[in-house]
Amino acid sequence: MSVIARRIASVPYRTSSQTWQAVVDLLAPEPSPARTALLSAVGPSAVIIAEGYTNSVPIVVLPATGPRIRIRTVHGSDAFDAAEDETPLMSRPLDQPGWTLSLPCAADDFDELQAALAEHPQITVRALEDDVDDAASAQAHGVQIVINTAELEVP
């Protein structure tokens, strides 16, 4: 699976809430259900960014179609340089239903932030050492890949 990576300037260049807004602007068209869902999760997401978890471990986005997206935030004095290098995506990958977004989280905050995101089924938290499994995400969305081998043999 192909992967697109982006770096978003964060604290002190932006507040953690403004950083989340930049992530939303990068991913979701305006107006859209995805944008509404992401904006409604600003509290827990801003906490995760403020704690610096997304500086070392990426936010992982699995759009309904297209490549996986990894977003890291840049903190400290490097954030000012990162702001100049921010690159938009070619499209808004969350324009179709069936996407998921996974936020990294330390064990100390995991249960509280998982509970805070409980009403947002597309947005999850994961332990800092965990990655997002593509197969598990596809199963969660009821996606099944079927290859008709008979069609491959048709001249």
Protein backbone atom coordinates (compact mmCIF):
# COMPACT_ATOMS: atom_id res chain seq x y z
CA MET A 1 0.00 0.00 0.00
CA SER A 2 1.30 3.43 -0.86
CA VAL A 3 1.70 6.09 1.81
CA ILE A 4 1.56 9.87 1.70
CA ALA A 5 3.30 11.76 4.50
CA ARG A 6 2.77 15.32 5.64
CA ARG A 7 4.20 17.47 8.42
CA ILE A 8 2.07 20.17 10.05
CA ALA A 9 3.56 22.99 12.10
CA SER A 10 2.30 23.00 15.68
CA VAL A 11 3.17 24.58 19.03
CA PRO A 12 4.45 27.34 19.27
CA TYR A 13 3.65 28.30 15.66
CA ARG A 14 -0.02 27.27 16.20
CA THR A 15 -1.98 26.21 19.23
CA SER A 16 -2.89 22.53 19.38
CA SER A 17 -6.50 23.39 18.41
CA GLN A 18 -5.28 25.41 15.43
CA THR A 19 -3.04 22.50 14.47
CA TRP A 20 -6.05 20.18 14.49
CA GLN A 21 -7.87 22.70 12.29
CA ALA A 22 -4.93 22.55 9.84
CA VAL A 23 -5.20 18.73 9.80
CA VAL A 24 -8.94 18.96 9.12
CA ASP A 25 -8.34 21.49 6.33
CA LEU A 26 -5.79 19.14 4.80
CA LEU A 27 -8.09 16.11 4.81
CA ALA A 28 -11.74 17.05 4.54
CA PRO A 29 -13.64 19.09 1.95
CA GLU A 30 -15.87 21.92 3.08
CA PRO A 31 -18.71 21.26 3.81
CA SER A 32 -18.75 17.50 4.38
CA PRO A 33 -19.73 14.91 6.98
CA ALA A 34 -16.03 14.08 7.46
CA ARG A 35 -15.21 17.70 8.26
CA THR A 36 -18.08 17.86 10.76
CA ALA A 37 -16.90 14.63 12.44
CA LEU A 38 -13.29 15.79 12.64
CA LEU A 39 -14.18 19.23 13.98
CA SER A 40 -16.40 17.71 16.66
CA ALA A 41 -13.37 15.77 17.93
CA VAL A 42 -11.22 18.88 18.41
CA GLY A 43 -10.93 18.49 22.21
CA PRO A 44 -9.36 15.03 22.40
CA SER A 45 -7.36 15.62 19.23
CA ALA A 46 -5.93 18.88 20.56
CA VAL A 47 -4.92 17.13 23.79
CA ILE A 48 -3.05 14.48 21.82
CA ILE A 49 -1.27 17.16 19.78
CA ALA A 50 -0.49 19.28 22.86
CA GLU A 51 1.07 16.27 24.59
CA GLY A 52 3.42 15.96 21.61
CA TYR A 53 2.43 12.38 20.75
CA THR A 54 1.96 13.30 17.09
CA ASN A 55 5.47 14.74 16.96
CA SER A 56 7.03 11.27 17.19
CA VAL A 57 4.17 9.00 16.09
CA PRO A 58 1.92 9.90 13.15
CA ILE A 59 -1.79 10.37 12.87
CA VAL A 60 -2.79 7.62 10.42
CA VAL A 61 -5.61 8.19 7.96
CA LEU A 62 -7.12 5.39 5.89
CA PRO A 63 -9.39 6.96 3.26
CA ALA A 64 -12.13 4.86 1.67
CA THR A 65 -10.01 4.85 -1.48
CA GLY A 66 -6.45 5.86 -2.11
CA PRO A 67 -3.22 5.68 -0.16
CA ARG A 68 -2.69 5.71 3.56
CA ILE A 69 -1.83 9.16 4.93
CA ARG A 70 0.59 9.73 7.82
CA ILE A 71 0.58 13.15 9.45
CA ARG A 72 3.15 14.24 12.01
CA THR A 73 3.15 17.51 13.87
CA VAL A 74 6.30 19.55 14.30
CA HIS A 75 6.86 21.27 17.64
CA GLY A 76 9.31 23.77 19.08
CA SER A 77 11.52 26.02 17.00
CA ASP A 78 11.32 23.55 14.08
CA ALA A 79 7.60 24.35 13.75
CA PHE A 80 8.39 27.71 12.14
CA ASP A 81 10.46 26.06 9.42
CA ALA A 82 7.81 23.34 8.96
CA ALA A 83 5.14 26.00 8.41
CA GLU A 84 6.97 27.19 5.32
CA ASP A 85 7.16 23.64 3.96
CA GLU A 86 3.53 22.56 4.49
CA THR A 87 2.23 20.97 1.32
CA PRO A 88 -1.47 20.42 0.57
CA LEU A 89 -2.72 17.10 -0.74
CA MET A 90 -3.77 16.76 -4.38
CA SER A 91 -7.35 16.13 -3.22
CA ARG A 92 -9.36 15.92 -0.03
CA PRO A 93 -9.11 12.19 0.79
CA LEU A 94 -12.07 12.11 3.18
CA ASP A 95 -14.62 13.14 0.57
CA GLN A 96 -16.15 9.64 0.59
CA PRO A 97 -17.62 7.71 3.52
CA GLY A 98 -15.72 4.71 4.88
CA TRP A 99 -12.57 6.46 6.14
CA THR A 100 -10.85 6.00 9.49
CA LEU A 101 -8.39 8.15 11.41
CA SER A 102 -6.17 6.83 14.19
CA LEU A 103 -4.51 9.07 16.77
CA PRO A 104 -1.46 7.96 18.79
CA CYS A 105 -1.80 8.10 22.55
CA ALA A 106 0.28 7.23 25.61
CA ALA A 107 -1.02 4.69 28.10
CA ASP A 108 -1.61 7.37 30.75
CA ASP A 109 -4.23 9.13 28.61
CA PHE A 110 -5.52 6.19 26.58
CA ASP A 111 -8.72 5.27 28.46
CA GLU A 112 -9.83 8.87 28.96
CA LEU A 113 -9.27 9.85 25.31
CA GLN A 114 -10.81 6.63 24.01
CA ALA A 115 -13.93 7.42 26.05
CA ALA A 116 -13.93 11.02 24.76
CA LEU A 117 -13.89 9.72 21.17
CA ALA A 118 -16.48 6.99 21.74
CA GLU A 119 -19.16 8.90 19.84
CA HIS A 120 -16.84 9.18 16.81
CA PRO A 121 -16.56 5.65 15.37
CA GLN A 122 -14.28 6.75 12.51
CA ILE A 123 -11.74 8.29 14.91
CA THR A 124 -9.80 6.01 17.24
CA VAL A 125 -6.81 6.16 19.54
CA ARG A 126 -4.02 3.61 19.54
CA ALA A 127 -1.01 2.98 21.76
CA LEU A 128 2.13 4.81 20.72
CA GLU A 129 3.86 1.56 19.79
CA ASP A 130 0.95 0.26 17.65
CA ASP A 131 0.44 0.75 13.94
CA VAL A 132 -2.83 0.68 12.03
CA ASP A 133 -3.60 -2.61 10.32
CA ASP A 134 -5.03 -2.17 6.81
CA ALA A 135 -6.81 -5.53 6.89
CA ALA A 136 -8.52 -4.79 10.21
CA SER A 137 -9.68 -1.43 8.91
CA ALA A 138 -11.09 -2.99 5.77
CA GLN A 139 -12.97 -5.60 7.82
CA ALA A 140 -14.38 -2.88 10.07
CA HIS A 141 -15.84 -1.21 6.99
CA GLY A 142 -17.17 -4.44 5.57
CA VAL A 143 -14.82 -4.22 2.60
CA GLN A 144 -14.02 -7.46 0.89
CA ILE A 145 -11.78 -7.76 -2.11
CA VAL A 146 -12.98 -10.29 -4.67
CA ILE A 147 -11.00 -11.22 -7.74
CA ASN A 148 -12.87 -12.97 -10.50
CA THR A 149 -10.14 -15.13 -12.04
CA ALA A 150 -12.43 -16.15 -14.90
CA GLU A 151 -12.48 -12.52 -16.04
CA LEU A 152 -8.70 -12.48 -16.07
CA GLU A 153 -8.68 -15.28 -18.63
CA VAL A 154 -11.03 -13.54 -21.09
CA PRO A 155 -9.08 -12.40 -24.19
